[in-house]
Amino acid sequence: MTPVLLKNNIPVLNNEPAAPQLSIIAVNETYFSRRFICDCADSDSIDHQKSALLSLPFLLIILVINIAALLMPSVVYGEDLNAKTVDIKNQSKEIVEKNPDPLEAINRISFWITDKSDYYVLRPMAIAYEFILPEFASQAVTNVFMNFNDLQIMLNNLFQLKLKASAIDAGRIGINSTVGVLGLFDVATKWGLEKHYEDFGQTLGYWGIPSGPYLFIPILGPSSFRDAVGLVGEYYLTPRNYLDHTRTRNQILLTETIDRRGRALKVEDVVFGDRYIFIRDFYINRRHYLVNDGLVNQGIEDEIFDDDFDDDFDIDFDDY
């Protein structure tokens, strides 16, 4: 009988050269029984078994070193490794803080395209929308979209383990969808159930994902590398995207976009100076405020926005 080795349950001839193994070795009895134990008892097989047994200590040593390298890098590679890692992280953080907009040249082009598109297309539609609809009707439409938005907020609060806030969001949905007549009236707020503001970008920030450089996405507006990824998550959390009828889905999206732009008309006058810089700085500080649940660097905020600015934005900017 020709002696064979078993490799991954596949017979391999004894005289066949073994391919070099570069993958991580799983140290367990099953592996060694498959890899090294022969199904015959001739001298060649015994030599293979002896070689395998002699190699066990070295394999164990290699495994221990790799585990130690993962768990305690400073012990294996020296204290300098952690220090250098911390320095690199601090340097990256300082660079982002000193220059939050390294892509400004590209972002300004995107901003210009979006600003012109808004000025000639979306803004006139929003003005007409606000002119035609009475205030109560416009507010009712806003309430409906906000009611659907509470579902996204509830899920993001769950992802952030904010169970109390998520329960309040669920209560808001239930009350406004029933007593509030399918969300036309925001009864929940009047009954003391506070509206929250969460999205998937904030959820990523809650779990420690850095925002990365500022990014202005054409048509979509201000964002960051983290929040751009968050937009993908928001897509799957948005109820209208599960409608099969394409025309209905697009009509709802267009109506929501115009309604949102119509509400933003109220705050246009507070934008001053370089519009690009104003919107960028406001967005960065606003996102920092939301991700940290209101804990911000007051000194930085005061340098950009004074008391008069805060008073101007008391008109529920969160809704926009």
C-alpha atoms as a PDB file:
ATOM      1  CA  MET A   1       0.000   0.000   0.000  1.00  0.00           C
ATOM      2  CA  THR A   2       1.401   3.372  -0.987  1.00  0.00           C
ATOM      3  CA  PRO A   3       1.742   5.667   2.012  1.00  0.00           C
ATOM      4  CA  VAL A   4      -0.205   8.874   1.711  1.00  0.00           C
ATOM      5  CA  LEU A   5      -0.697  12.028   3.679  1.00  0.00           C
ATOM      6  CA  LEU A   6      -4.072  13.546   4.334  1.00  0.00           C
ATOM      7  CA  LYS A   7      -4.204  17.264   3.513  1.00  0.00           C
ATOM      8  CA  ASN A   8      -7.627  18.881   3.934  1.00  0.00           C
ATOM      9  CA  ASN A   9      -9.126  15.369   3.669  1.00  0.00           C
ATOM     10  CA  ILE A  10      -7.531  14.966   0.184  1.00  0.00           C
ATOM     11  CA  PRO A  11      -4.941  12.130  -0.268  1.00  0.00           C
ATOM     12  CA  VAL A  12      -1.508  13.415  -1.268  1.00  0.00           C
ATOM     13  CA  LEU A  13       1.318  11.156  -2.431  1.00  0.00           C
ATOM     14  CA  ASN A  14       4.293  10.948  -0.115  1.00  0.00           C
ATOM     15  CA  ASN A  15       6.790  11.941  -2.743  1.00  0.00           C
ATOM     16  CA  GLU A  16       4.809  14.974  -3.859  1.00  0.00           C
ATOM     17  CA  PRO A  17       6.467  18.210  -2.700  1.00  0.00           C
ATOM     18  CA  ALA A  18       4.329  20.171  -0.290  1.00  0.00           C
ATOM     19  CA  ALA A  19       3.372  23.726  -1.237  1.00  0.00           C
ATOM     20  CA  PRO A  20       4.607  26.401   1.161  1.00  0.00           C
ATOM     21  CA  GLN A  21       1.956  27.497   3.650  1.00  0.00           C
ATOM     22  CA  LEU A  22       1.743  31.234   4.378  1.00  0.00           C
ATOM     23  CA  SER A  23      -1.663  31.307   6.003  1.00  0.00           C
ATOM     24  CA  ILE A  24      -2.353  31.495   9.725  1.00  0.00           C
ATOM     25  CA  ILE A  25      -2.094  28.046  11.328  1.00  0.00           C
ATOM     26  CA  ALA A  26      -4.956  26.956  13.514  1.00  0.00           C
ATOM     27  CA  VAL A  27      -3.414  25.070  16.416  1.00  0.00           C
ATOM     28  CA  ASN A  28      -5.748  22.233  17.228  1.00  0.00           C
ATOM     29  CA  GLU A  29      -5.700  18.477  17.327  1.00  0.00           C
ATOM     30  CA  THR A  30      -7.783  18.058  14.191  1.00  0.00           C
ATOM     31  CA  TYR A  31      -5.386  20.125  12.103  1.00  0.00           C
ATOM     32  CA  PHE A  32      -2.313  18.175  13.143  1.00  0.00           C
ATOM     33  CA  SER A  33      -4.046  14.852  12.754  1.00  0.00           C
ATOM     34  CA  ARG A  34      -4.951  15.798   9.164  1.00  0.00           C
ATOM     35  CA  ARG A  35      -1.662  17.416   8.302  1.00  0.00           C
ATOM     36  CA  PHE A  36       0.910  15.132   9.840  1.00  0.00           C
ATOM     37  CA  ILE A  37      -0.517  11.711  10.761  1.00  0.00           C
ATOM     38  CA  CYS A  38       0.048   9.054   8.093  1.00  0.00           C
ATOM     39  CA  ASP A  39      -2.232   6.139   7.475  1.00  0.00           C
ATOM     40  CA  CYS A  40       0.636   3.648   7.426  1.00  0.00           C
ATOM     41  CA  ALA A  41       3.478   2.675   9.741  1.00  0.00           C
ATOM     42  CA  ASP A  42       6.581   2.450   7.536  1.00  0.00           C
ATOM     43  CA  SER A  43       9.834   4.245   8.323  1.00  0.00           C
ATOM     44  CA  ASP A  44       9.088   7.266   6.096  1.00  0.00           C
ATOM     45  CA  SER A  45       5.774   7.855   7.864  1.00  0.00           C
ATOM     46  CA  ILE A  46       7.408   7.572  11.267  1.00  0.00           C
ATOM     47  CA  ASP A  47      10.019  10.142  10.200  1.00  0.00           C
ATOM     48  CA  HIS A  48       7.235  12.484   9.136  1.00  0.00           C
ATOM     49  CA  GLN A  49       5.530  12.052  12.494  1.00  0.00           C
ATOM     50  CA  LYS A  50       8.758  12.727  14.382  1.00  0.00           C
ATOM     51  CA  SER A  51       9.390  15.858  12.313  1.00  0.00           C
ATOM     52  CA  ALA A  52       5.869  17.036  12.962  1.00  0.00           C
ATOM     53  CA  LEU A  53       6.167  16.499  16.711  1.00  0.00           C
ATOM     54  CA  LEU A  54       9.509  18.307  16.776  1.00  0.00           C
ATOM     55  CA  SER A  55       7.965  21.249  14.909  1.00  0.00           C
ATOM     56  CA  LEU A  56       5.107  21.643  17.393  1.00  0.00           C
ATOM     57  CA  PRO A  57       7.044  23.756  19.937  1.00  0.00           C
ATOM     58  CA  PHE A  58       8.184  26.153  17.219  1.00  0.00           C
ATOM     59  CA  LEU A  59       4.668  26.479  15.852  1.00  0.00           C
ATOM     60  CA  LEU A  60       3.346  27.194  19.329  1.00  0.00           C
ATOM     61  CA  ILE A  61       6.044  29.831  19.882  1.00  0.00           C
ATOM     62  CA  ILE A  62       5.163  31.529  16.581  1.00  0.00           C
ATOM     63  CA  LEU A  63       1.470  31.489  17.496  1.00  0.00           C
ATOM     64  CA  VAL A  64       2.119  32.992  20.940  1.00  0.00           C
ATOM     65  CA  ILE A  65       4.254  35.751  19.419  1.00  0.00           C
ATOM     66  CA  ASN A  66       1.544  36.654  16.902  1.00  0.00           C
ATOM     67  CA  ILE A  67      -1.153  36.734  19.578  1.00  0.00           C
ATOM     68  CA  ALA A  68       1.073  38.883  21.777  1.00  0.00           C
ATOM     69  CA  ALA A  69       1.750  41.203  18.843  1.00  0.00           C
ATOM     70  CA  LEU A  70      -1.992  41.734  18.408  1.00  0.00           C
ATOM     71  CA  LEU A  71      -2.828  42.153  22.089  1.00  0.00           C
ATOM     72  CA  MET A  72       0.346  43.816  23.394  1.00  0.00           C
ATOM     73  CA  PRO A  73       2.267  45.453  20.534  1.00  0.00           C
ATOM     74  CA  SER A  74       4.437  47.475  22.896  1.00  0.00           C
ATOM     75  CA  VAL A  75       5.756  44.289  24.520  1.00  0.00           C
ATOM     76  CA  VAL A  76       6.697  42.639  21.242  1.00  0.00           C
ATOM     77  CA  TYR A  77       7.835  45.602  19.174  1.00  0.00           C
ATOM     78  CA  GLY A  78       8.934  47.994  21.887  1.00  0.00           C
ATOM     79  CA  GLU A  79       7.442  51.050  23.568  1.00  0.00           C
ATOM     80  CA  ASP A  80       8.138  53.292  20.586  1.00  0.00           C
ATOM     81  CA  LEU A  81       5.410  51.698  18.489  1.00  0.00           C
ATOM     82  CA  ASN A  82       2.518  52.964  20.606  1.00  0.00           C
ATOM     83  CA  ALA A  83       4.155  56.358  20.971  1.00  0.00           C
ATOM     84  CA  LYS A  84       4.573  56.684  17.217  1.00  0.00           C
ATOM     85  CA  THR A  85       0.991  55.530  16.630  1.00  0.00           C
ATOM     86  CA  VAL A  86      -0.325  58.142  19.067  1.00  0.00           C
ATOM     87  CA  ASP A  87       1.835  60.820  17.448  1.00  0.00           C
ATOM     88  CA  ILE A  88       0.507  59.964  14.004  1.00  0.00           C
ATOM     89  CA  LYS A  89      -3.079  60.064  15.255  1.00  0.00           C
ATOM     90  CA  ASN A  90      -2.494  63.391  17.003  1.00  0.00           C
ATOM     91  CA  GLN A  91      -0.819  64.846  13.933  1.00  0.00           C
ATOM     92  CA  SER A  92      -3.724  63.734  11.727  1.00  0.00           C
ATOM     93  CA  LYS A  93      -6.184  65.208  14.198  1.00  0.00           C
ATOM     94  CA  GLU A  94      -4.275  68.508  14.310  1.00  0.00           C
ATOM     95  CA  ILE A  95      -4.146  68.657  10.508  1.00  0.00           C
ATOM     96  CA  VAL A  96      -7.908  68.120  10.269  1.00  0.00           C
ATOM     97  CA  GLU A  97      -8.544  70.727  12.962  1.00  0.00           C
ATOM     98  CA  LYS A  98      -6.222  73.290  11.352  1.00  0.00           C
ATOM     99  CA  ASN A  99      -7.466  72.614   7.852  1.00  0.00           C
ATOM    100  CA  PRO A 100     -10.892  70.940   7.877  1.00  0.00           C
ATOM    101  CA  ASP A 101     -11.257  71.638   4.156  1.00  0.00           C
ATOM    102  CA  PRO A 102      -8.195  70.311   2.275  1.00  0.00           C
ATOM    103  CA  LEU A 103     -10.395  69.810  -0.801  1.00  0.00           C
ATOM    104  CA  GLU A 104     -11.548  73.436  -0.889  1.00  0.00           C
ATOM    105  CA  ALA A 105     -10.674  73.981  -4.556  1.00  0.00           C
ATOM    106  CA  ILE A 106     -12.843  71.035  -5.632  1.00  0.00           C
ATOM    107  CA  ASN A 107     -15.532  71.800  -3.064  1.00  0.00           C
ATOM    108  CA  ARG A 108     -15.884  75.360  -4.300  1.00  0.00           C
ATOM    109  CA  ILE A 109     -16.583  74.089  -7.813  1.00  0.00           C
ATOM    110  CA  SER A 110     -19.257  71.748  -6.439  1.00  0.00           C
ATOM    111  CA  PHE A 111     -20.650  74.622  -4.377  1.00  0.00           C
ATOM    112  CA  TRP A 112     -20.813  76.922  -7.400  1.00  0.00           C
ATOM    113  CA  ILE A 113     -22.697  74.291  -9.450  1.00  0.00           C
ATOM    114  CA  THR A 114     -25.115  73.636  -6.608  1.00  0.00           C
ATOM    115  CA  ASP A 115     -25.612  77.312  -5.803  1.00  0.00           C
ATOM    116  CA  LYS A 116     -26.430  78.197  -9.408  1.00  0.00           C
ATOM    117  CA  SER A 117     -28.759  75.210  -9.751  1.00  0.00           C
ATOM    118  CA  ASP A 118     -30.527  76.276  -6.589  1.00  0.00           C
ATOM    119  CA  TYR A 119     -30.798  79.907  -7.649  1.00  0.00           C
ATOM    120  CA  TYR A 120     -32.250  79.219 -11.100  1.00  0.00           C
ATOM    121  CA  VAL A 121     -34.269  76.046 -10.443  1.00  0.00           C
ATOM    122  CA  LEU A 122     -34.986  74.984  -6.873  1.00  0.00           C
ATOM    123  CA  ARG A 123     -35.320  78.351  -5.168  1.00  0.00           C
ATOM    124  CA  PRO A 124     -37.968  79.695  -7.624  1.00  0.00           C
ATOM    125  CA  MET A 125     -39.934  76.470  -7.170  1.00  0.00           C
ATOM    126  CA  ALA A 126     -39.737  76.855  -3.396  1.00  0.00           C
ATOM    127  CA  ILE A 127     -40.869  80.498  -3.572  1.00  0.00           C
ATOM    128  CA  ALA A 128     -43.861  79.521  -5.717  1.00  0.00           C
ATOM    129  CA  TYR A 129     -44.637  76.629  -3.368  1.00  0.00           C
ATOM    130  CA  GLU A 130     -44.659  78.882  -0.312  1.00  0.00           C
ATOM    131  CA  PHE A 131     -46.693  81.537  -2.164  1.00  0.00           C
ATOM    132  CA  ILE A 132     -49.397  79.145  -3.360  1.00  0.00           C
ATOM    133  CA  LEU A 133     -49.846  77.052  -0.232  1.00  0.00           C
ATOM    134  CA  PRO A 134     -51.330  78.675   2.868  1.00  0.00           C
ATOM    135  CA  GLU A 135     -49.168  78.515   5.970  1.00  0.00           C
ATOM    136  CA  PHE A 136     -51.260  75.810   7.648  1.00  0.00           C
ATOM    137  CA  ALA A 137     -51.140  73.603   4.512  1.00  0.00           C
ATOM    138  CA  SER A 138     -47.385  74.029   4.157  1.00  0.00           C
ATOM    139  CA  GLN A 139     -46.937  73.165   7.821  1.00  0.00           C
ATOM    140  CA  ALA A 140     -49.133  70.076   7.429  1.00  0.00           C
ATOM    141  CA  VAL A 141     -46.952  68.822   4.562  1.00  0.00           C
ATOM    142  CA  THR A 142     -43.856  69.463   6.666  1.00  0.00           C
ATOM    143  CA  ASN A 143     -45.385  67.549   9.571  1.00  0.00           C
ATOM    144  CA  VAL A 144     -46.044  64.509   7.380  1.00  0.00           C
ATOM    145  CA  PHE A 145     -42.428  64.354   6.229  1.00  0.00           C
ATOM    146  CA  MET A 146     -41.208  64.938   9.785  1.00  0.00           C
ATOM    147  CA  ASN A 147     -43.364  62.044  10.960  1.00  0.00           C
ATOM    148  CA  PHE A 148     -41.687  59.710   8.476  1.00  0.00           C
ATOM    149  CA  ASN A 149     -38.338  61.168   9.501  1.00  0.00           C
ATOM    150  CA  ASP A 150     -39.035  60.146  13.104  1.00  0.00           C
ATOM    151  CA  LEU A 151     -38.763  56.516  11.972  1.00  0.00           C
ATOM    152  CA  GLN A 152     -35.175  57.086  10.792  1.00  0.00           C
ATOM    153  CA  ILE A 153     -34.420  58.961  14.002  1.00  0.00           C
ATOM    154  CA  MET A 154     -35.851  56.149  16.119  1.00  0.00           C
ATOM    155  CA  LEU A 155     -33.681  53.549  14.373  1.00  0.00           C
ATOM    156  CA  ASN A 156     -30.533  55.672  14.704  1.00  0.00           C
ATOM    157  CA  ASN A 157     -31.211  56.186  18.404  1.00  0.00           C
ATOM    158  CA  LEU A 158     -31.462  52.403  18.699  1.00  0.00           C
ATOM    159  CA  PHE A 159     -28.152  52.008  16.889  1.00  0.00           C
ATOM    160  CA  GLN A 160     -26.640  54.431  19.422  1.00  0.00           C
ATOM    161  CA  LEU A 161     -28.209  52.518  22.335  1.00  0.00           C
ATOM    162  CA  LYS A 162     -30.263  55.571  23.336  1.00  0.00           C
ATOM    163  CA  LEU A 163     -33.240  53.511  24.385  1.00  0.00           C
ATOM    164  CA  LYS A 164     -35.199  56.265  26.116  1.00  0.00           C
ATOM    165  CA  ALA A 165     -34.887  58.598  23.136  1.00  0.00           C
ATOM    166  CA  SER A 166     -35.837  55.765  20.792  1.00  0.00           C
ATOM    167  CA  ALA A 167     -38.945  55.023  22.880  1.00  0.00           C
ATOM    168  CA  ILE A 168     -39.939  58.711  22.698  1.00  0.00           C
ATOM    169  CA  ASP A 169     -39.510  58.607  18.910  1.00  0.00           C
ATOM    170  CA  ALA A 170     -41.730  55.525  18.726  1.00  0.00           C
ATOM    171  CA  GLY A 171     -44.332  57.341  20.837  1.00  0.00           C
ATOM    172  CA  ARG A 172     -44.198  60.345  18.533  1.00  0.00           C
ATOM    173  CA  ILE A 173     -44.787  58.143  15.495  1.00  0.00           C
ATOM    174  CA  GLY A 174     -47.727  56.395  17.134  1.00  0.00           C
ATOM    175  CA  ILE A 175     -49.409  59.575  18.356  1.00  0.00           C
ATOM    176  CA  ASN A 176     -48.876  61.680  15.226  1.00  0.00           C
ATOM    177  CA  SER A 177     -49.901  58.835  12.919  1.00  0.00           C
ATOM    178  CA  THR A 178     -53.198  58.326  14.767  1.00  0.00           C
ATOM    179  CA  VAL A 179     -54.298  61.368  16.758  1.00  0.00           C
ATOM    180  CA  GLY A 180     -52.340  63.597  14.386  1.00  0.00           C
ATOM    181  CA  VAL A 181     -54.182  62.170  11.340  1.00  0.00           C
ATOM    182  CA  LEU A 182     -51.328  60.416   9.506  1.00  0.00           C
ATOM    183  CA  GLY A 183     -48.849  63.030  10.662  1.00  0.00           C
ATOM    184  CA  LEU A 184     -50.666  66.117   9.427  1.00  0.00           C
ATOM    185  CA  PHE A 185     -50.589  67.552  12.969  1.00  0.00           C
ATOM    186  CA  ASP A 186     -47.661  67.381  15.369  1.00  0.00           C
ATOM    187  CA  VAL A 187     -49.671  66.437  18.452  1.00  0.00           C
ATOM    188  CA  ALA A 188     -46.750  64.636  20.109  1.00  0.00           C
ATOM    189  CA  THR A 189     -44.721  67.838  20.553  1.00  0.00           C
ATOM    190  CA  LYS A 190     -47.688  69.570  22.195  1.00  0.00           C
ATOM    191  CA  TRP A 191     -48.005  66.588  24.533  1.00  0.00           C
ATOM    192  CA  GLY A 192     -44.397  66.958  25.634  1.00  0.00           C
ATOM    193  CA  LEU A 193     -42.668  64.319  23.495  1.00  0.00           C
ATOM    194  CA  GLU A 194     -39.488  66.038  22.348  1.00  0.00           C
ATOM    195  CA  LYS A 195     -38.385  65.674  18.738  1.00  0.00           C
ATOM    196  CA  HIS A 196     -34.831  64.409  18.285  1.00  0.00           C
ATOM    197  CA  TYR A 197     -32.425  64.859  15.400  1.00  0.00           C
ATOM    198  CA  GLU A 198     -30.330  61.821  14.496  1.00  0.00           C
ATOM    199  CA  ASP A 199     -29.044  60.345  11.253  1.00  0.00           C
ATOM    200  CA  PHE A 200     -26.686  57.569  10.225  1.00  0.00           C
ATOM    201  CA  GLY A 201     -23.744  59.952   9.952  1.00  0.00           C
ATOM    202  CA  GLN A 202     -24.262  60.871  13.608  1.00  0.00           C
ATOM    203  CA  THR A 203     -24.491  57.180  14.468  1.00  0.00           C
ATOM    204  CA  LEU A 204     -21.089  56.590  12.869  1.00  0.00           C
ATOM    205  CA  GLY A 205     -19.728  59.559  14.817  1.00  0.00           C
ATOM    206  CA  TYR A 206     -21.224  58.214  18.048  1.00  0.00           C
ATOM    207  CA  TRP A 207     -19.195  55.022  17.619  1.00  0.00           C
ATOM    208  CA  GLY A 208     -15.984  56.940  17.119  1.00  0.00           C
ATOM    209  CA  ILE A 209     -15.727  57.254  13.338  1.00  0.00           C
ATOM    210  CA  PRO A 210     -13.962  60.587  12.613  1.00  0.00           C
ATOM    211  CA  SER A 211     -15.703  63.015  10.290  1.00  0.00           C
ATOM    212  CA  GLY A 212     -12.775  63.358   7.934  1.00  0.00           C
ATOM    213  CA  PRO A 213     -12.344  66.324   5.578  1.00  0.00           C
ATOM    214  CA  TYR A 214     -15.223  68.569   4.644  1.00  0.00           C
ATOM    215  CA  LEU A 215     -16.919  67.533   1.416  1.00  0.00           C
ATOM    216  CA  PHE A 216     -19.424  69.488  -0.647  1.00  0.00           C
ATOM    217  CA  ILE A 217     -21.436  67.065  -2.751  1.00  0.00           C
ATOM    218  CA  PRO A 218     -22.954  68.570  -5.927  1.00  0.00           C
ATOM    219  CA  ILE A 219     -26.721  69.127  -5.576  1.00  0.00           C
ATOM    220  CA  LEU A 220     -26.821  67.270  -2.214  1.00  0.00           C
ATOM    221  CA  GLY A 221     -24.898  69.992  -0.367  1.00  0.00           C
ATOM    222  CA  PRO A 222     -22.410  70.127   2.542  1.00  0.00           C
ATOM    223  CA  SER A 223     -21.145  66.873   3.987  1.00  0.00           C
ATOM    224  CA  SER A 224     -17.986  65.086   5.114  1.00  0.00           C
ATOM    225  CA  PHE A 225     -16.362  61.771   4.317  1.00  0.00           C
ATOM    226  CA  ARG A 226     -18.170  60.169   7.257  1.00  0.00           C
ATOM    227  CA  ASP A 227     -21.526  61.788   6.529  1.00  0.00           C
ATOM    228  CA  ALA A 228     -21.247  60.840   2.851  1.00  0.00           C
ATOM    229  CA  VAL A 229     -21.046  57.209   3.948  1.00  0.00           C
ATOM    230  CA  GLY A 230     -23.937  57.924   6.285  1.00  0.00           C
ATOM    231  CA  LEU A 231     -26.056  58.956   3.292  1.00  0.00           C
ATOM    232  CA  VAL A 232     -25.873  55.363   2.072  1.00  0.00           C
ATOM    233  CA  GLY A 233     -27.249  54.152   5.391  1.00  0.00           C
ATOM    234  CA  GLU A 234     -29.935  56.831   5.316  1.00  0.00           C
ATOM    235  CA  TYR A 235     -31.074  55.620   1.908  1.00  0.00           C
ATOM    236  CA  TYR A 236     -31.965  52.220   3.357  1.00  0.00           C
ATOM    237  CA  LEU A 237     -33.664  53.809   6.378  1.00  0.00           C
ATOM    238  CA  THR A 238     -35.915  56.058   4.278  1.00  0.00           C
ATOM    239  CA  PRO A 239     -39.446  54.594   3.860  1.00  0.00           C
ATOM    240  CA  ARG A 240     -40.159  56.142   0.441  1.00  0.00           C
ATOM    241  CA  ASN A 241     -37.264  54.242  -1.126  1.00  0.00           C
ATOM    242  CA  TYR A 242     -39.207  51.023  -0.629  1.00  0.00           C
ATOM    243  CA  LEU A 243     -42.055  52.142  -2.867  1.00  0.00           C
ATOM    244  CA  ASP A 244     -42.174  50.074  -6.046  1.00  0.00           C
ATOM    245  CA  HIS A 245     -43.918  52.740  -8.114  1.00  0.00           C
ATOM    246  CA  THR A 246     -41.097  54.894  -9.481  1.00  0.00           C
ATOM    247  CA  ARG A 247     -43.198  57.934 -10.384  1.00  0.00           C
ATOM    248  CA  THR A 248     -44.823  58.075  -6.944  1.00  0.00           C
ATOM    249  CA  ARG A 249     -41.452  57.697  -5.260  1.00  0.00           C
ATOM    250  CA  ASN A 250     -39.949  60.536  -7.320  1.00  0.00           C
ATOM    251  CA  GLN A 251     -42.958  62.789  -6.751  1.00  0.00           C
ATOM    252  CA  ILE A 252     -42.650  62.337  -2.996  1.00  0.00           C
ATOM    253  CA  LEU A 253     -38.914  63.072  -3.183  1.00  0.00           C
ATOM    254  CA  LEU A 254     -39.507  66.232  -5.239  1.00  0.00           C
ATOM    255  CA  THR A 255     -42.245  67.461  -2.903  1.00  0.00           C
ATOM    256  CA  GLU A 256     -40.075  66.856   0.156  1.00  0.00           C
ATOM    257  CA  THR A 257     -37.120  68.647  -1.463  1.00  0.00           C
ATOM    258  CA  ILE A 258     -39.207  71.695  -2.370  1.00  0.00           C
ATOM    259  CA  ASP A 259     -40.810  71.761   1.073  1.00  0.00           C
ATOM    260  CA  ARG A 260     -37.396  71.601   2.739  1.00  0.00           C
ATOM    261  CA  ARG A 261     -36.072  74.380   0.497  1.00  0.00           C
ATOM    262  CA  GLY A 262     -39.152  76.467   1.210  1.00  0.00           C
ATOM    263  CA  ARG A 263     -38.473  76.296   4.942  1.00  0.00           C
ATOM    264  CA  ALA A 264     -34.861  77.322   4.331  1.00  0.00           C
ATOM    265  CA  LEU A 265     -36.064  80.573   2.721  1.00  0.00           C
ATOM    266  CA  LYS A 266     -36.654  81.904   6.225  1.00  0.00           C
ATOM    267  CA  VAL A 267     -32.970  81.803   7.147  1.00  0.00           C
ATOM    268  CA  GLU A 268     -31.379  83.074   3.918  1.00  0.00           C
ATOM    269  CA  ASP A 269     -30.920  86.593   5.279  1.00  0.00           C
ATOM    270  CA  VAL A 270     -28.592  85.484   8.073  1.00  0.00           C
ATOM    271  CA  VAL A 271     -25.938  84.243   5.621  1.00  0.00           C
ATOM    272  CA  PHE A 272     -23.197  86.858   5.329  1.00  0.00           C
ATOM    273  CA  GLY A 273     -19.691  87.216   3.914  1.00  0.00           C
ATOM    274  CA  ASP A 274     -18.286  84.415   1.795  1.00  0.00           C
ATOM    275  CA  ARG A 275     -21.277  82.099   1.394  1.00  0.00           C
ATOM    276  CA  TYR A 276     -19.077  79.052   0.911  1.00  0.00           C
ATOM    277  CA  ILE A 277     -17.088  79.642   4.114  1.00  0.00           C
ATOM    278  CA  PHE A 278     -20.204  80.543   6.092  1.00  0.00           C
ATOM    279  CA  ILE A 279     -22.048  77.370   5.095  1.00  0.00           C
ATOM    280  CA  ARG A 280     -18.946  75.227   5.603  1.00  0.00           C
ATOM    281  CA  ASP A 281     -18.194  76.543   9.091  1.00  0.00           C
ATOM    282  CA  PHE A 282     -21.813  76.378  10.143  1.00  0.00           C
ATOM    283  CA  TYR A 283     -22.113  72.798   8.901  1.00  0.00           C
ATOM    284  CA  ILE A 284     -18.937  71.615  10.646  1.00  0.00           C
ATOM    285  CA  ASN A 285     -19.929  73.169  13.968  1.00  0.00           C
ATOM    286  CA  ARG A 286     -23.520  72.018  13.671  1.00  0.00           C
ATOM    287  CA  ARG A 287     -22.488  68.427  13.009  1.00  0.00           C
ATOM    288  CA  HIS A 288     -20.060  68.539  15.909  1.00  0.00           C
ATOM    289  CA  TYR A 289     -22.887  69.781  18.108  1.00  0.00           C
ATOM    290  CA  LEU A 290     -25.275  67.019  17.012  1.00  0.00           C
ATOM    291  CA  VAL A 291     -22.782  64.145  17.205  1.00  0.00           C
ATOM    292  CA  ASN A 292     -21.791  65.169  20.728  1.00  0.00           C
ATOM    293  CA  ASP A 293     -25.400  65.747  21.821  1.00  0.00           C
ATOM    294  CA  GLY A 294     -24.897  69.434  22.449  1.00  0.00           C
ATOM    295  CA  LEU A 295     -21.384  69.296  23.960  1.00  0.00           C
ATOM    296  CA  VAL A 296     -19.297  71.686  21.867  1.00  0.00           C
ATOM    297  CA  ASN A 297     -16.209  73.827  22.136  1.00  0.00           C
ATOM    298  CA  GLN A 298     -17.906  77.058  23.139  1.00  0.00           C
ATOM    299  CA  GLY A 299     -14.833  79.131  22.345  1.00  0.00           C
ATOM    300  CA  ILE A 300     -14.784  78.052  18.713  1.00  0.00           C
ATOM    301  CA  GLU A 301     -18.520  78.534  18.373  1.00  0.00           C
ATOM    302  CA  ASP A 302     -18.368  82.049  19.825  1.00  0.00           C
ATOM    303  CA  GLU A 303     -15.668  83.063  17.341  1.00  0.00           C
ATOM    304  CA  ILE A 304     -17.962  82.248  14.420  1.00  0.00           C
ATOM    305  CA  PHE A 305     -21.464  82.961  15.678  1.00  0.00           C
ATOM    306  CA  ASP A 306     -22.454  85.830  17.939  1.00  0.00           C
ATOM    307  CA  ASP A 307     -25.590  86.243  20.046  1.00  0.00           C
ATOM    308  CA  ASP A 308     -27.517  87.946  17.250  1.00  0.00           C
ATOM    309  CA  PHE A 309     -26.822  85.005  14.975  1.00  0.00           C
ATOM    310  CA  ASP A 310     -28.135  82.578  17.597  1.00  0.00           C
ATOM    311  CA  ASP A 311     -31.295  84.638  17.960  1.00  0.00           C
ATOM    312  CA  ASP A 312     -31.855  84.535  14.209  1.00  0.00           C
ATOM    313  CA  PHE A 313     -31.595  80.767  14.251  1.00  0.00           C
ATOM    314  CA  ASP A 314     -34.161  80.250  16.972  1.00  0.00           C
ATOM    315  CA  ILE A 315     -36.680  79.429  14.235  1.00  0.00           C
ATOM    316  CA  ASP A 316     -36.158  75.662  14.431  1.00  0.00           C
ATOM    317  CA  PHE A 317     -33.247  75.379  12.018  1.00  0.00           C
ATOM    318  CA  ASP A 318     -33.118  71.691  12.990  1.00  0.00           C
ATOM    319  CA  ASP A 319     -36.168  71.100  10.836  1.00  0.00           C
ATOM    320  CA  TYR A 320     -34.292  72.083   7.703  1.00  0.00           C
END
